[in-house]
C-alpha atoms as a PDB file:
ATOM      1  CA  MET A   1       0.000   0.000   0.000  1.00  0.00           C
ATOM      2  CA  SER A   2       1.066   3.551  -0.533  1.00  0.00           C
ATOM      3  CA  SER A   3       1.765   5.809   2.375  1.00  0.00           C
ATOM      4  CA  PRO A   4      -0.508   8.823   2.981  1.00  0.00           C
ATOM      5  CA  ASP A   5       2.403  11.185   2.264  1.00  0.00           C
ATOM      6  CA  GLU A   6       2.631   9.869  -1.277  1.00  0.00           C
ATOM      7  CA  ASN A   7      -0.897  10.947  -2.197  1.00  0.00           C
ATOM      8  CA  THR A   8      -1.153  14.312  -0.457  1.00  0.00           C
ATOM      9  CA  PRO A   9      -0.772  17.421  -2.609  1.00  0.00           C
ATOM     10  CA  LYS A  10       2.584  19.067  -2.207  1.00  0.00           C
ATOM     11  CA  ASN A  11       2.716  22.756  -1.340  1.00  0.00           C
ATOM     12  CA  ASP A  12       5.698  24.684  -2.579  1.00  0.00           C
ATOM     13  CA  PRO A  13       7.194  26.531   0.403  1.00  0.00           C
ATOM     14  CA  LYS A  14       8.839  29.099  -1.907  1.00  0.00           C
ATOM     15  CA  PRO A  15       6.462  30.631  -4.449  1.00  0.00           C
ATOM     16  CA  MET A  16       7.923  31.768  -7.757  1.00  0.00           C
ATOM     17  CA  PRO A  17       9.085  35.394  -7.815  1.00  0.00           C
ATOM     18  CA  ASP A  18       7.084  37.793  -9.977  1.00  0.00           C
ATOM     19  CA  ALA A  19       9.929  38.134 -12.464  1.00  0.00           C
ATOM     20  CA  VAL A  20       9.746  34.426 -13.283  1.00  0.00           C
ATOM     21  CA  ARG A  21       5.972  34.306 -13.788  1.00  0.00           C
ATOM     22  CA  ARG A  22       4.798  34.892 -17.321  1.00  0.00           C
ATOM     23  CA  PRO A  23       1.807  37.065 -18.131  1.00  0.00           C
ATOM     24  CA  PRO A  24      -1.080  35.280 -19.868  1.00  0.00           C
ATOM     25  CA  ARG A  25      -0.781  35.214 -23.637  1.00  0.00           C
ATOM     26  CA  ASP A  26      -3.170  37.121 -25.850  1.00  0.00           C
ATOM     27  CA  ARG A  27      -5.232  35.028 -28.197  1.00  0.00           C
ATOM     28  CA  PRO A  28      -3.953  35.122 -31.751  1.00  0.00           C
ATOM     29  CA  VAL A  29      -6.106  37.166 -34.090  1.00  0.00           C
ATOM     30  CA  LYS A  30      -7.845  35.022 -36.685  1.00  0.00           C
ATOM     31  CA  PRO A  31      -7.383  36.302 -40.219  1.00  0.00           C
ATOM     32  CA  LYS A  32     -10.581  37.502 -41.881  1.00  0.00           C
ATOM     33  CA  PRO A  33     -11.817  35.783 -45.016  1.00  0.00           C
ATOM     34  CA  ALA A  34     -10.910  37.685 -48.185  1.00  0.00           C
ATOM     35  CA  GLY A  35     -14.568  38.435 -48.973  1.00  0.00           C
ATOM     36  CA  GLN A  36     -15.181  40.003 -45.589  1.00  0.00           C
ATOM     37  CA  GLU A  37     -11.982  42.024 -45.887  1.00  0.00           C
ATOM     38  CA  ALA A  38     -13.016  43.316 -49.329  1.00  0.00           C
ATOM     39  CA  LEU A  39     -16.536  44.182 -48.136  1.00  0.00           C
ATOM     40  CA  GLU A  40     -15.221  46.123 -45.148  1.00  0.00           C
ATOM     41  CA  ARG A  41     -12.718  47.984 -47.333  1.00  0.00           C
ATOM     42  CA  ALA A  42     -15.403  48.899 -49.899  1.00  0.00           C
ATOM     43  CA  LEU A  43     -17.774  50.076 -47.177  1.00  0.00           C
ATOM     44  CA  SER A  44     -15.123  52.226 -45.516  1.00  0.00           C
ATOM     45  CA  GLU A  45     -14.166  53.777 -48.861  1.00  0.00           C
ATOM     46  CA  SER A  46     -17.804  54.639 -49.559  1.00  0.00           C
ATOM     47  CA  GLY A  47     -18.270  56.133 -46.094  1.00  0.00           C
ATOM     48  CA  LYS A  48     -20.900  53.587 -45.063  1.00  0.00           C
ATOM     49  CA  ASN A  49     -20.918  50.765 -42.562  1.00  0.00           C
ATOM     50  CA  LEU A  50     -22.520  47.341 -42.389  1.00  0.00           C
ATOM     51  CA  LYS A  51     -25.615  48.648 -40.585  1.00  0.00           C
ATOM     52  CA  ASP A  52     -26.384  50.899 -43.570  1.00  0.00           C
ATOM     53  CA  LEU A  53     -26.914  47.795 -45.717  1.00  0.00           C
ATOM     54  CA  THR A  54     -29.646  46.330 -43.505  1.00  0.00           C
END
């Protein structure tokens, strides 16, 4: 049988210093489909936005 010490969670007595911790990563930006990119460019050139089309 295993001893109780083997299965208990271990607590780190020395936490990592702030300099070692990494900030959370930003999510990568997904590229827009070419059609959506072209539509947005055409709308911005004409001075309209997507809500004007509906």
